[in-house]
Amino acid sequence: MKILILGVGGIGGFFGGYLQQSGADVTFLVRPKRKDLLLKNGLKVISPLGNLKLKPNLVLAKELTPIYDIILISCKTYDLDQAILDLKLTKGQGVIIPFLNGMTHLKKLDKEFGSDNVMGGVAHISSTINQNGTIEHFSEFKKTYFWKQNA
């Protein structure tokens, strides 16, 4: 199974990093500036559960191919329109699971990618990304939930 994660911050970077560490085939969709930082420093997570330092697989939007089974969206809600543009090539390929605040993004994603390709998602975690790009996790609590909408 191939997993694409859009948003390498406190949610996407954290869960994607641990998925990669477990052996999952994870690729992070990033912007050029973030790519440069991750290539230089790696993906770092500081956590009470154990620290990570990984060399992540990275792709820019212009390099994206529709080969992913799962697409996790964990960007800020105000970046959703750009995320949709970046993911256009994946339309009809893979299941999209958003971890965004609120619910309005679900209608927008359904419209763009089809409701059969979009699930609901919630992430419960206390984390952030600091100025040098390291993800900081502040407790032992971390959970994700996802479900098929209208099921």
Protein backbone atom coordinates (compact mmCIF):
# COMPACT_ATOMS: atom_id res chain seq x y z
CA MET A 1 0.00 0.00 0.00
CA LYS A 2 1.34 3.42 -0.98
CA ILE A 3 0.55 6.37 1.28
CA LEU A 4 0.84 10.05 0.31
CA ILE A 5 0.80 12.67 3.06
CA LEU A 6 0.13 16.30 2.26
CA GLY A 7 1.25 18.41 5.21
CA VAL A 8 4.46 17.53 7.05
CA GLY A 9 3.67 19.40 10.24
CA GLY A 10 2.52 18.41 13.69
CA ILE A 11 -0.07 15.93 12.39
CA GLY A 12 1.09 14.70 8.97
CA GLY A 13 4.77 14.67 9.85
CA PHE A 14 4.14 12.94 13.17
CA PHE A 15 1.84 10.17 11.96
CA GLY A 16 3.64 9.85 8.62
CA GLY A 17 6.98 9.53 10.37
CA TYR A 18 5.74 6.73 12.60
CA LEU A 19 4.07 5.01 9.64
CA GLN A 20 7.37 5.15 7.73
CA GLN A 21 9.28 3.87 10.75
CA SER A 22 6.88 0.90 10.95
CA GLY A 23 7.75 -0.04 7.38
CA ALA A 24 4.88 1.58 5.48
CA ASP A 25 5.54 3.02 2.02
CA VAL A 26 5.09 6.73 2.80
CA THR A 27 5.73 9.74 0.57
CA PHE A 28 5.31 13.35 1.67
CA LEU A 29 3.98 15.97 -0.76
CA VAL A 30 5.91 19.15 0.05
CA ARG A 31 6.67 22.63 -1.22
CA PRO A 32 10.21 23.43 -2.44
CA LYS A 33 11.32 25.27 0.72
CA ARG A 34 10.13 22.43 2.99
CA LYS A 35 11.75 19.88 0.69
CA ASP A 36 15.11 21.60 1.02
CA LEU A 37 14.83 21.64 4.83
CA LEU A 38 13.81 17.97 5.01
CA LEU A 39 16.60 16.92 2.65
CA LYS A 40 19.09 18.81 4.80
CA ASN A 41 17.86 17.81 8.27
CA GLY A 42 15.63 14.78 7.76
CA LEU A 43 12.23 14.37 9.38
CA LYS A 44 12.68 14.76 13.13
CA VAL A 45 10.11 14.08 15.83
CA ILE A 46 10.69 14.74 19.52
CA SER A 47 8.19 12.78 21.60
CA PRO A 48 7.74 11.22 25.04
CA LEU A 49 7.08 8.02 23.06
CA GLY A 50 10.56 8.08 21.52
CA ASN A 51 12.29 10.38 19.09
CA LEU A 52 12.51 9.81 15.35
CA LYS A 53 14.95 10.92 12.72
CA LEU A 54 14.12 9.64 9.27
CA LYS A 55 15.04 10.29 5.68
CA PRO A 56 11.57 10.82 4.18
CA ASN A 57 10.49 10.15 0.61
CA LEU A 58 9.53 13.55 -0.81
CA VAL A 59 7.66 14.71 -3.90
CA LEU A 60 6.72 18.15 -5.22
CA ALA A 61 3.27 18.73 -6.74
CA LYS A 62 4.72 18.99 -10.27
CA GLU A 63 6.34 15.53 -9.81
CA LEU A 64 3.20 13.84 -8.45
CA THR A 65 1.87 10.70 -10.13
CA PRO A 66 -1.46 8.98 -9.38
CA ILE A 67 -0.03 5.87 -7.71
CA TYR A 68 -1.22 6.25 -4.11
CA ASP A 69 -3.75 4.07 -2.32
CA ILE A 70 -4.27 6.47 0.60
CA ILE A 71 -3.85 10.25 0.63
CA LEU A 72 -3.77 11.89 4.06
CA ILE A 73 -4.39 15.64 4.04
CA SER A 74 -3.13 17.43 7.11
CA CYS A 75 -2.54 20.97 5.92
CA LYS A 76 -4.12 24.07 7.44
CA THR A 77 -7.71 24.63 6.29
CA TYR A 78 -6.73 27.89 4.57
CA ASP A 79 -4.34 25.85 2.37
CA LEU A 80 -7.07 23.41 1.23
CA ASP A 81 -7.68 25.07 -2.15
CA GLN A 82 -3.98 24.79 -3.01
CA ALA A 83 -3.94 21.20 -1.72
CA ILE A 84 -6.82 20.35 -4.07
CA LEU A 85 -4.92 21.88 -7.00
CA ASP A 86 -1.78 19.97 -6.02
CA LEU A 87 -3.73 16.68 -5.87
CA LYS A 88 -5.60 17.08 -9.20
CA LEU A 89 -3.45 14.40 -10.86
CA THR A 90 -4.59 11.85 -8.28
CA LYS A 91 -8.29 12.40 -9.05
CA GLY A 92 -10.09 9.07 -8.92
CA GLN A 93 -7.02 7.32 -7.50
CA GLY A 94 -6.71 6.51 -3.83
CA VAL A 95 -8.83 7.24 -0.81
CA ILE A 96 -8.51 10.73 0.66
CA ILE A 97 -8.57 11.05 4.45
CA PRO A 98 -8.48 14.66 5.66
CA PHE A 99 -7.34 15.64 9.14
CA LEU A 100 -8.52 19.27 9.12
CA ASN A 101 -10.50 21.38 11.57
CA GLY A 102 -14.24 21.60 11.03
CA MET A 103 -16.42 19.82 8.50
CA THR A 104 -16.79 22.19 5.53
CA HIS A 105 -13.77 20.70 3.77
CA LEU A 106 -15.62 17.41 3.28
CA LYS A 107 -18.13 18.89 0.81
CA LYS A 108 -15.33 20.57 -1.11
CA LEU A 109 -13.31 17.34 -1.29
CA ASP A 110 -16.40 15.32 -2.25
CA LYS A 111 -17.08 17.75 -5.10
CA GLU A 112 -13.52 17.61 -6.40
CA PHE A 113 -12.69 13.92 -5.91
CA GLY A 114 -16.06 12.18 -5.54
CA SER A 115 -17.66 11.13 -2.27
CA ASP A 116 -16.66 7.49 -2.86
CA ASN A 117 -13.02 8.58 -2.66
CA VAL A 118 -13.25 10.72 0.50
CA MET A 119 -13.47 9.53 4.09
CA GLY A 120 -13.91 11.48 7.30
CA GLY A 121 -10.91 11.79 9.58
CA VAL A 122 -10.00 13.09 13.03
CA ALA A 123 -6.58 13.31 14.66
CA HIS A 124 -6.21 13.76 18.41
CA ILE A 125 -2.70 14.88 19.25
CA SER A 126 -0.87 17.74 20.93
CA SER A 127 2.00 18.61 18.62
CA THR A 128 3.56 21.43 16.65
CA ILE A 129 6.42 22.12 14.31
CA ASN A 130 9.18 24.41 15.56
CA GLN A 131 11.25 26.96 13.63
CA ASN A 132 13.93 24.49 12.59
CA GLY A 133 11.30 22.07 11.24
CA THR A 134 11.34 19.55 14.09
CA ILE A 135 7.98 18.16 15.13
CA GLU A 136 7.39 18.35 18.88
CA HIS A 137 4.86 15.98 20.48
CA PHE A 138 3.84 17.02 23.99
CA SER A 139 2.14 13.98 25.53
CA GLU A 140 1.76 10.25 25.13
CA PHE A 141 -1.68 10.73 23.61
CA LYS A 142 -2.00 10.18 19.86
CA LYS A 143 -4.98 8.77 17.98
CA THR A 144 -6.50 8.94 14.56
CA TYR A 145 -9.98 7.95 13.52
CA PHE A 146 -11.38 7.67 10.04
CA TRP A 147 -14.68 6.46 8.64
CA LYS A 148 -16.63 6.16 5.45
CA GLN A 149 -19.03 9.08 5.16
CA ASN A 150 -22.75 8.36 4.81
CA ALA A 151 -22.14 4.72 5.65
